[in-house]
PDB file of all heavy atoms in Angstrom:
ATOM      1  N   GLY A   1      -3.329  -0.834   6.493  1.00  0.00           N
ATOM      2  CA  GLY A   1      -3.692  -1.101   5.065  1.00  0.00           C
ATOM      3  C   GLY A   1      -2.724  -0.534   4.078  1.00  0.00           C
ATOM      4  O   GLY A   1      -2.666  -0.992   2.919  1.00  0.00           O
ATOM      5  N   TYR A   2      -1.905   0.420   4.505  1.00  0.00           N
ATOM      6  CA  TYR A   2      -0.839   0.989   3.632  1.00  0.00           C
ATOM      7  C   TYR A   2       0.336   0.023   3.703  1.00  0.00           C
ATOM      8  O   TYR A   2       1.369   0.330   4.296  1.00  0.00           O
ATOM      9  CB  TYR A   2      -0.457   2.383   4.183  1.00  0.00           C
ATOM     10  CG  TYR A   2       0.497   3.147   3.330  1.00  0.00           C
ATOM     11  CD1 TYR A   2       0.142   3.692   2.119  1.00  0.00           C
ATOM     12  CD2 TYR A   2       1.841   3.328   3.753  1.00  0.00           C
ATOM     13  CE1 TYR A   2       1.117   4.456   1.365  1.00  0.00           C
ATOM     14  CE2 TYR A   2       2.736   4.028   3.037  1.00  0.00           C
ATOM     15  CZ  TYR A   2       2.392   4.569   1.833  1.00  0.00           C
ATOM     16  OH  TYR A   2       3.273   5.333   1.084  1.00  0.00           O
ATOM     17  N   LEU A   3       0.136  -1.156   3.087  1.00  0.00           N
ATOM     18  CA  LEU A   3       1.188  -2.132   3.163  1.00  0.00           C
ATOM     19  C   LEU A   3       2.463  -1.558   2.425  1.00  0.00           C
ATOM     20  O   LEU A   3       2.285  -0.982   1.369  1.00  0.00           O
ATOM     21  CB  LEU A   3       0.822  -3.393   2.426  1.00  0.00           C
ATOM     22  CG  LEU A   3      -0.068  -4.442   3.170  1.00  0.00           C
ATOM     23  CD1 LEU A   3      -1.468  -3.941   3.363  1.00  0.00           C
ATOM     24  CD2 LEU A   3      -0.103  -5.768   2.391  1.00  0.00           C
ATOM     25  N   PRO A   4       3.641  -1.709   3.070  1.00  0.00           N
ATOM     26  CA  PRO A   4       4.803  -1.199   2.397  1.00  0.00           C
ATOM     27  C   PRO A   4       5.099  -1.970   1.106  1.00  0.00           C
ATOM     28  O   PRO A   4       4.820  -3.146   0.948  1.00  0.00           O
ATOM     29  CB  PRO A   4       5.935  -1.431   3.410  1.00  0.00           C
ATOM     30  CG  PRO A   4       5.431  -2.522   4.290  1.00  0.00           C
ATOM     31  CD  PRO A   4       3.914  -2.362   4.338  1.00  0.00           C
ATOM     32  N   ILE A   5       5.596  -1.269   0.102  1.00  0.00           N
ATOM     33  CA  ILE A   5       6.089  -1.931  -1.116  1.00  0.00           C
ATOM     34  C   ILE A   5       7.274  -2.777  -0.698  1.00  0.00           C
ATOM     35  O   ILE A   5       8.213  -2.270  -0.024  1.00  0.00           O
ATOM     36  CB  ILE A   5       6.535  -0.837  -2.141  1.00  0.00           C
ATOM     37  CG1 ILE A   5       5.326   0.121  -2.481  1.00  0.00           C
ATOM     38  CG2 ILE A   5       7.059  -1.536  -3.430  1.00  0.00           C
ATOM     39  CD1 ILE A   5       4.146  -0.562  -3.121  1.00  0.00           C
ATOM     40  N   PRO A   6       7.251  -4.049  -1.093  1.00  0.00           N
ATOM     41  CA  PRO A   6       8.400  -4.935  -0.715  1.00  0.00           C
ATOM     42  C   PRO A   6       9.754  -4.224  -1.135  1.00  0.00           C
ATOM     43  O   PRO A   6       9.826  -3.656  -2.249  1.00  0.00           O
ATOM     44  CB  PRO A   6       8.133  -6.166  -1.594  1.00  0.00           C
ATOM     45  CG  PRO A   6       6.692  -6.224  -1.668  1.00  0.00           C
ATOM     46  CD  PRO A   6       6.219  -4.801  -1.808  1.00  0.00           C
ATOM     47  N   LYS A   7      10.710  -4.312  -0.295  1.00  0.00           N
ATOM     48  CA  LYS A   7      11.949  -3.552  -0.467  1.00  0.00           C
ATOM     49  C   LYS A   7      12.605  -3.844  -1.783  1.00  0.00           C
ATOM     50  O   LYS A   7      13.161  -2.878  -2.398  1.00  0.00           O
ATOM     51  CB  LYS A   7      12.929  -3.859   0.742  1.00  0.00           C
ATOM     52  CG  LYS A   7      14.156  -2.997   0.704  1.00  0.00           C
ATOM     53  CD  LYS A   7      15.020  -3.152   1.903  1.00  0.00           C
ATOM     54  CE  LYS A   7      14.439  -2.442   3.097  1.00  0.00           C
ATOM     55  NZ  LYS A   7      15.371  -2.425   4.279  1.00  0.00           N
ATOM     56  N   LYS A   8      12.557  -5.039  -2.201  1.00  0.00           N
ATOM     57  CA  LYS A   8      13.238  -5.372  -3.443  1.00  0.00           C
ATOM     58  C   LYS A   8      12.582  -4.697  -4.661  1.00  0.00           C
ATOM     59  O   LYS A   8      13.241  -4.383  -5.664  1.00  0.00           O
ATOM     60  CB  LYS A   8      13.404  -6.914  -3.693  1.00  0.00           C
ATOM     61  CG  LYS A   8      12.118  -7.619  -4.051  1.00  0.00           C
ATOM     62  CD  LYS A   8      12.500  -9.108  -4.257  1.00  0.00           C
ATOM     63  CE  LYS A   8      11.365  -9.962  -4.818  1.00  0.00           C
ATOM     64  NZ  LYS A   8      11.721 -11.299  -5.064  1.00  0.00           N
ATOM     65  N   LEU A   9      11.256  -4.469  -4.554  1.00  0.00           N
ATOM     66  CA  LEU A   9      10.526  -3.758  -5.609  1.00  0.00           C
ATOM     67  C   LEU A   9      10.706  -2.227  -5.463  1.00  0.00           C
ATOM     68  O   LEU A   9      10.902  -1.514  -6.450  1.00  0.00           O
ATOM     69  CB  LEU A   9       9.047  -4.076  -5.598  1.00  0.00           C
ATOM     70  CG  LEU A   9       8.661  -5.568  -5.813  1.00  0.00           C
ATOM     71  CD1 LEU A   9       7.179  -5.688  -5.882  1.00  0.00           C
ATOM     72  CD2 LEU A   9       9.230  -5.999  -7.217  1.00  0.00           C
ATOM     73  N   ALA A  10      10.707  -1.725  -4.180  1.00  0.00           N
ATOM     74  CA  ALA A  10      10.910  -0.314  -4.002  1.00  0.00           C
ATOM     75  C   ALA A  10      12.297   0.149  -4.511  1.00  0.00           C
ATOM     76  O   ALA A  10      12.391   1.241  -5.073  1.00  0.00           O
ATOM     77  CB  ALA A  10      10.788  -0.018  -2.493  1.00  0.00           C
ATOM     78  N   ALA A  11      13.253  -0.738  -4.359  1.00  0.00           N
ATOM     79  CA  ALA A  11      14.609  -0.393  -4.838  1.00  0.00           C
ATOM     80  C   ALA A  11      14.686  -0.220  -6.348  1.00  0.00           C
ATOM     81  O   ALA A  11      15.595   0.388  -6.898  1.00  0.00           O
ATOM     82  CB  ALA A  11      15.582  -1.479  -4.378  1.00  0.00           C
ATOM     83  N   THR A  12      13.711  -0.839  -7.075  1.00  0.00           N
ATOM     84  CA  THR A  12      13.713  -0.737  -8.538  1.00  0.00           C
ATOM     85  C   THR A  12      12.827   0.418  -9.034  1.00  0.00           C
ATOM     86  O   THR A  12      12.644   0.637 -10.217  1.00  0.00           O
ATOM     87  CB  THR A  12      13.200  -2.022  -9.179  1.00  0.00           C
ATOM     88  OG1 THR A  12      11.804  -2.229  -8.858  1.00  0.00           O
ATOM     89  CG2 THR A  12      13.999  -3.225  -8.723  1.00  0.00           C
ATOM     90  N   GLY A  13      12.212   1.161  -8.053  1.00  0.00           N
ATOM     91  CA  GLY A  13      11.394   2.325  -8.414  1.00  0.00           C
ATOM     92  C   GLY A  13       9.888   2.122  -8.347  1.00  0.00           C
ATOM     93  O   GLY A  13       9.135   3.020  -8.632  1.00  0.00           O
ATOM     94  N   VAL A  14       9.455   0.938  -7.914  1.00  0.00           N
ATOM     95  CA  VAL A  14       8.032   0.730  -7.763  1.00  0.00           C
ATOM     96  C   VAL A  14       7.511   1.565  -6.636  1.00  0.00           C
ATOM     97  O   VAL A  14       7.966   1.503  -5.474  1.00  0.00           O
ATOM     98  CB  VAL A  14       7.740  -0.763  -7.533  1.00  0.00           C
ATOM     99  CG1 VAL A  14       6.243  -0.986  -7.308  1.00  0.00           C
ATOM    100  CG2 VAL A  14       8.187  -1.614  -8.705  1.00  0.00           C
ATOM    101  N   LYS A  15       6.446   2.326  -6.863  1.00  0.00           N
ATOM    102  CA  LYS A  15       5.928   3.288  -5.869  1.00  0.00           C
ATOM    103  C   LYS A  15       4.488   2.920  -5.422  1.00  0.00           C
ATOM    104  O   LYS A  15       4.036   3.340  -4.431  1.00  0.00           O
ATOM    105  CB  LYS A  15       5.928   4.760  -6.406  1.00  0.00           C
ATOM    106  CG  LYS A  15       7.353   5.269  -6.497  1.00  0.00           C
ATOM    107  CD  LYS A  15       7.336   6.751  -6.957  1.00  0.00           C
ATOM    108  CE  LYS A  15       8.692   7.382  -6.905  1.00  0.00           C
ATOM    109  NZ  LYS A  15       9.671   6.690  -7.838  1.00  0.00           N
ATOM    110  N   ASP A  16       3.819   2.072  -6.258  1.00  0.00           N
ATOM    111  CA  ASP A  16       2.442   1.723  -5.910  1.00  0.00           C
ATOM    112  C   ASP A  16       2.128   0.324  -6.424  1.00  0.00           C
ATOM    113  O   ASP A  16       2.652  -0.075  -7.438  1.00  0.00           O
ATOM    114  CB  ASP A  16       1.433   2.748  -6.468  1.00  0.00           C
ATOM    115  CG  ASP A  16       0.051   2.637  -5.904  1.00  0.00           C
ATOM    116  OD1 ASP A  16      -0.105   1.934  -4.869  1.00  0.00           O
ATOM    117  OD2 ASP A  16      -0.857   3.240  -6.467  1.00  0.00           O
ATOM    118  N   MET A  17       1.308  -0.363  -5.687  1.00  0.00           N
ATOM    119  CA  MET A  17       0.771  -1.683  -6.077  1.00  0.00           C
ATOM    120  C   MET A  17      -0.676  -1.748  -5.588  1.00  0.00           C
ATOM    121  O   MET A  17      -1.003  -1.019  -4.611  1.00  0.00           O
ATOM    122  CB  MET A  17       1.564  -2.850  -5.506  1.00  0.00           C
ATOM    123  CG  MET A  17       3.002  -2.921  -5.923  1.00  0.00           C
ATOM    124  SD  MET A  17       3.946  -4.179  -5.017  1.00  0.00           S
ATOM    125  CE  MET A  17       3.106  -5.674  -5.490  1.00  0.00           C
ATOM    126  N   VAL A  18      -1.511  -2.605  -6.055  1.00  0.00           N
ATOM    127  CA  VAL A  18      -2.788  -2.869  -5.497  1.00  0.00           C
ATOM    128  C   VAL A  18      -2.553  -3.615  -4.171  1.00  0.00           C
ATOM    129  O   VAL A  18      -1.898  -4.604  -4.189  1.00  0.00           O
ATOM    130  CB  VAL A  18      -3.717  -3.666  -6.417  1.00  0.00           C
ATOM    131  CG1 VAL A  18      -5.052  -4.002  -5.705  1.00  0.00           C
ATOM    132  CG2 VAL A  18      -4.001  -2.908  -7.704  1.00  0.00           C
ATOM    133  N   ARG A  19      -3.154  -3.093  -3.077  1.00  0.00           N
ATOM    134  CA  ARG A  19      -3.025  -3.665  -1.776  1.00  0.00           C
ATOM    135  C   ARG A  19      -4.426  -3.754  -1.170  1.00  0.00           C
ATOM    136  O   ARG A  19      -5.152  -2.763  -1.200  1.00  0.00           O
ATOM    137  CB  ARG A  19      -2.091  -2.847  -0.893  1.00  0.00           C
ATOM    138  CG  ARG A  19      -0.595  -2.930  -1.317  1.00  0.00           C
ATOM    139  CD  ARG A  19       0.237  -1.771  -0.835  1.00  0.00           C
ATOM    140  NE  ARG A  19       0.145  -0.643  -1.790  1.00  0.00           N
ATOM    141  CZ  ARG A  19       0.803   0.529  -1.530  1.00  0.00           C
ATOM    142  NH1 ARG A  19       1.569   0.674  -0.458  1.00  0.00           N
ATOM    143  NH2 ARG A  19       0.707   1.544  -2.398  1.00  0.00           N
ATOM    144  N   ILE A  20      -4.768  -4.880  -0.604  1.00  0.00           N
ATOM    145  CA  ILE A  20      -6.088  -5.085  -0.039  1.00  0.00           C
ATOM    146  C   ILE A  20      -5.993  -5.672   1.351  1.00  0.00           C
ATOM    147  O   ILE A  20      -5.111  -6.484   1.649  1.00  0.00           O
ATOM    148  CB  ILE A  20      -7.041  -5.920  -0.931  1.00  0.00           C
ATOM    149  CG1 ILE A  20      -6.630  -7.384  -0.862  1.00  0.00           C
ATOM    150  CG2 ILE A  20      -6.971  -5.379  -2.379  1.00  0.00           C
ATOM    151  CD1 ILE A  20      -7.613  -8.299  -1.612  1.00  0.00           C
ATOM    152  N   SER A  21      -6.979  -5.233   2.251  1.00  0.00           N
ATOM    153  CA  SER A  21      -6.950  -5.790   3.627  1.00  0.00           C
ATOM    154  C   SER A  21      -8.263  -5.408   4.299  1.00  0.00           C
ATOM    155  O   SER A  21      -9.096  -4.686   3.752  1.00  0.00           O
ATOM    156  CB  SER A  21      -5.796  -5.217   4.395  1.00  0.00           C
ATOM    157  OG  SER A  21      -6.036  -3.834   4.678  1.00  0.00           O
ATOM    158  N   ASP A  22      -8.380  -5.969   5.538  1.00  0.00           N
ATOM    159  CA  ASP A  22      -9.551  -5.542   6.369  1.00  0.00           C
ATOM    160  C   ASP A  22      -9.143  -4.457   7.346  1.00  0.00           C
ATOM    161  O   ASP A  22      -9.881  -4.166   8.285  1.00  0.00           O
ATOM    162  CB  ASP A  22     -10.137  -6.790   7.123  1.00  0.00           C
ATOM    163  CG  ASP A  22      -9.065  -7.650   7.732  1.00  0.00           C
ATOM    164  OD1 ASP A  22      -7.917  -7.249   7.785  1.00  0.00           O
ATOM    165  OD2 ASP A  22      -9.431  -8.810   8.151  1.00  0.00           O
ATOM    166  N   ALA A  23      -7.941  -3.924   7.141  1.00  0.00           N
ATOM    167  CA  ALA A  23      -7.406  -2.875   7.975  1.00  0.00           C
ATOM    168  C   ALA A  23      -7.941  -1.485   7.565  1.00  0.00           C
ATOM    169  O   ALA A  23      -8.683  -1.372   6.589  1.00  0.00           O
ATOM    170  CB  ALA A  23      -5.895  -2.887   7.945  1.00  0.00           C
ATOM    171  N   ARG A  24      -7.465  -0.485   8.295  1.00  0.00           N
ATOM    172  CA  ARG A  24      -7.706   0.916   7.938  1.00  0.00           C
ATOM    173  C   ARG A  24      -6.405   1.486   7.348  1.00  0.00           C
ATOM    174  O   ARG A  24      -5.379   0.813   7.317  1.00  0.00           O
ATOM    175  CB  ARG A  24      -8.080   1.770   9.136  1.00  0.00           C
ATOM    176  CG  ARG A  24      -9.436   1.391   9.732  1.00  0.00           C
ATOM    177  CD  ARG A  24      -9.768   2.255  10.958  1.00  0.00           C
ATOM    178  NE  ARG A  24      -8.760   2.039  11.998  1.00  0.00           N
ATOM    179  CZ  ARG A  24      -7.914   2.953  12.519  1.00  0.00           C
ATOM    180  NH1 ARG A  24      -7.992   4.155  11.956  1.00  0.00           N
ATOM    181  NH2 ARG A  24      -7.088   2.683  13.407  1.00  0.00           N
ATOM    182  N   MET A  25      -6.461   2.731   6.898  1.00  0.00           N
ATOM    183  CA  MET A  25      -5.284   3.415   6.399  1.00  0.00           C
ATOM    184  C   MET A  25      -5.390   4.848   6.918  1.00  0.00           C
ATOM    185  O   MET A  25      -6.393   5.475   6.948  1.00  0.00           O
ATOM    186  CB  MET A  25      -5.321   3.434   4.881  1.00  0.00           C
ATOM    187  CG  MET A  25      -4.144   4.248   4.234  1.00  0.00           C
ATOM    188  SD  MET A  25      -4.184   4.128   2.429  1.00  0.00           S
ATOM    189  CE  MET A  25      -5.529   5.294   1.978  1.00  0.00           C
ATOM    190  N   SER A  26      -4.197   5.359   7.282  1.00  0.00           N
ATOM    191  CA  SER A  26      -4.175   6.796   7.693  1.00  0.00           C
ATOM    192  C   SER A  26      -4.671   7.653   6.547  1.00  0.00           C
ATOM    193  O   SER A  26      -4.392   7.373   5.336  1.00  0.00           O
ATOM    194  CB  SER A  26      -2.752   7.135   8.081  1.00  0.00           C
ATOM    195  OG  SER A  26      -2.617   8.592   8.177  1.00  0.00           O
ATOM    196  N   GLY A  27      -5.404   8.724   6.884  1.00  0.00           N
ATOM    197  CA  GLY A  27      -5.860   9.625   5.871  1.00  0.00           C
ATOM    198  C   GLY A  27      -4.724  10.376   5.201  1.00  0.00           C
ATOM    199  O   GLY A  27      -4.905  10.953   4.211  1.00  0.00           O
ATOM    200  N   THR A  28      -3.519  10.312   5.819  1.00  0.00           N
ATOM    201  CA  THR A  28      -2.373  10.977   5.248  1.00  0.00           C
ATOM    202  C   THR A  28      -1.701  10.118   4.199  1.00  0.00           C
ATOM    203  O   THR A  28      -0.777  10.576   3.508  1.00  0.00           O
ATOM    204  CB  THR A  28      -1.370  11.319   6.330  1.00  0.00           C
ATOM    205  OG1 THR A  28      -0.784  10.107   6.893  1.00  0.00           O
ATOM    206  CG2 THR A  28      -1.952  12.113   7.487  1.00  0.00           C
ATOM    207  N   ALA A  29      -2.131   8.842   4.027  1.00  0.00           N
ATOM    208  CA  ALA A  29      -1.484   7.899   3.148  1.00  0.00           C
ATOM    209  C   ALA A  29      -2.045   7.991   1.739  1.00  0.00           C
ATOM    210  O   ALA A  29      -3.088   8.612   1.514  1.00  0.00           O
ATOM    211  CB  ALA A  29      -1.568   6.500   3.722  1.00  0.00           C
ATOM    212  N   PHE A  30      -1.433   7.285   0.812  1.00  0.00           N
ATOM    213  CA  PHE A  30      -1.811   7.377  -0.611  1.00  0.00           C
ATOM    214  C   PHE A  30      -1.492   6.034  -1.235  1.00  0.00           C
ATOM    215  O   PHE A  30      -0.753   5.220  -0.715  1.00  0.00           O
ATOM    216  CB  PHE A  30      -1.116   8.537  -1.300  1.00  0.00           C
ATOM    217  CG  PHE A  30       0.368   8.499  -1.072  1.00  0.00           C
ATOM    218  CD1 PHE A  30       1.226   7.805  -1.935  1.00  0.00           C
ATOM    219  CD2 PHE A  30       0.915   9.195   0.012  1.00  0.00           C
ATOM    220  CE1 PHE A  30       2.574   7.793  -1.697  1.00  0.00           C
ATOM    221  CE2 PHE A  30       2.314   9.165   0.233  1.00  0.00           C
ATOM    222  CZ  PHE A  30       3.142   8.488  -0.607  1.00  0.00           C
ATOM    223  N   GLY A  31      -2.119   5.785  -2.397  1.00  0.00           N
ATOM    224  CA  GLY A  31      -1.874   4.577  -3.122  1.00  0.00           C
ATOM    225  C   GLY A  31      -3.168   3.860  -3.494  1.00  0.00           C
ATOM    226  O   GLY A  31      -4.278   4.267  -3.058  1.00  0.00           O
ATOM    227  N   THR A  32      -3.036   2.734  -4.282  1.00  0.00           N
ATOM    228  CA  THR A  32      -4.195   2.063  -4.686  1.00  0.00           C
ATOM    229  C   THR A  32      -4.466   0.961  -3.665  1.00  0.00           C
ATOM    230  O   THR A  32      -4.007  -0.183  -3.780  1.00  0.00           O
ATOM    231  CB  THR A  32      -3.962   1.437  -6.084  1.00  0.00           C
ATOM    232  OG1 THR A  32      -3.470   2.462  -6.972  1.00  0.00           O
ATOM    233  CG2 THR A  32      -5.231   0.846  -6.697  1.00  0.00           C
ATOM    234  N   ILE A  33      -5.217   1.291  -2.657  1.00  0.00           N
ATOM    235  CA  ILE A  33      -5.358   0.532  -1.442  1.00  0.00           C
ATOM    236  C   ILE A  33      -6.796   0.294  -1.113  1.00  0.00           C
ATOM    237  O   ILE A  33      -7.582   1.253  -0.892  1.00  0.00           O
ATOM    238  CB  ILE A  33      -4.600   1.246  -0.259  1.00  0.00           C
ATOM    239  CG1 ILE A  33      -3.144   1.403  -0.606  1.00  0.00           C
ATOM    240  CG2 ILE A  33      -4.765   0.472   0.991  1.00  0.00           C
ATOM    241  CD1 ILE A  33      -2.329   2.213   0.329  1.00  0.00           C
ATOM    242  N   VAL A  34      -7.165  -0.973  -1.058  1.00  0.00           N
ATOM    243  CA  VAL A  34      -8.543  -1.411  -0.737  1.00  0.00           C
ATOM    244  C   VAL A  34      -8.600  -1.695   0.755  1.00  0.00           C
ATOM    245  O   VAL A  34      -7.787  -2.489   1.229  1.00  0.00           O
ATOM    246  CB  VAL A  34      -8.996  -2.629  -1.547  1.00  0.00           C
ATOM    247  CG1 VAL A  34     -10.373  -3.089  -1.125  1.00  0.00           C
ATOM    248  CG2 VAL A  34      -8.997  -2.294  -3.014  1.00  0.00           C
ATOM    249  N   LEU A  35      -9.546  -1.165   1.468  1.00  0.00           N
ATOM    250  CA  LEU A  35      -9.622  -1.195   2.919  1.00  0.00           C
ATOM    251  C   LEU A  35     -10.973  -1.617   3.435  1.00  0.00           C
ATOM    252  O   LEU A  35     -11.933  -1.650   2.629  1.00  0.00           O
ATOM    253  CB  LEU A  35      -9.374   0.264   3.477  1.00  0.00           C
ATOM    254  CG  LEU A  35      -8.063   0.929   3.039  1.00  0.00           C
ATOM    255  CD1 LEU A  35      -8.187   2.426   3.114  1.00  0.00           C
ATOM    256  CD2 LEU A  35      -6.923   0.455   3.832  1.00  0.00           C
ATOM    257  N   HIS A  36     -11.037  -1.897   4.724  1.00  0.00           N
ATOM    258  CA  HIS A  36     -12.288  -2.177   5.452  1.00  0.00           C
ATOM    259  C   HIS A  36     -13.059  -3.339   4.891  1.00  0.00           C
ATOM    260  O   HIS A  36     -14.301  -3.332   4.995  1.00  0.00           O
ATOM    261  CB  HIS A  36     -13.211  -0.921   5.419  1.00  0.00           C
ATOM    262  CG  HIS A  36     -12.548   0.388   5.852  1.00  0.00           C
ATOM    263  ND1 HIS A  36     -13.256   1.538   5.928  1.00  0.00           N
ATOM    264  CD2 HIS A  36     -11.346   0.700   6.241  1.00  0.00           C
ATOM    265  CE1 HIS A  36     -12.470   2.542   6.356  1.00  0.00           C
ATOM    266  NE2 HIS A  36     -11.269   2.010   6.538  1.00  0.00           N
ATOM    267  N   ILE A  37     -12.375  -4.340   4.298  1.00  0.00           N
ATOM    268  CA  ILE A  37     -13.082  -5.513   3.776  1.00  0.00           C
ATOM    269  C   ILE A  37     -13.911  -6.154   4.879  1.00  0.00           C
ATOM    270  O   ILE A  37     -13.376  -6.409   5.965  1.00  0.00           O
ATOM    271  CB  ILE A  37     -12.127  -6.501   3.144  1.00  0.00           C
ATOM    272  CG1 ILE A  37     -11.549  -5.911   1.860  1.00  0.00           C
ATOM    273  CG2 ILE A  37     -12.746  -7.824   2.883  1.00  0.00           C
ATOM    274  CD1 ILE A  37     -10.523  -6.807   1.133  1.00  0.00           C
TER     275      ILE A  37
END
């Protein structure tokens, strides 16, 4: 669920985006991430 920021956006300094999935996310991860749909 912690989808990586697309490399071309990460290279410009983007650190977070809204990301959604039916996956899980490690408790060690961070970001605006919607999970367990």
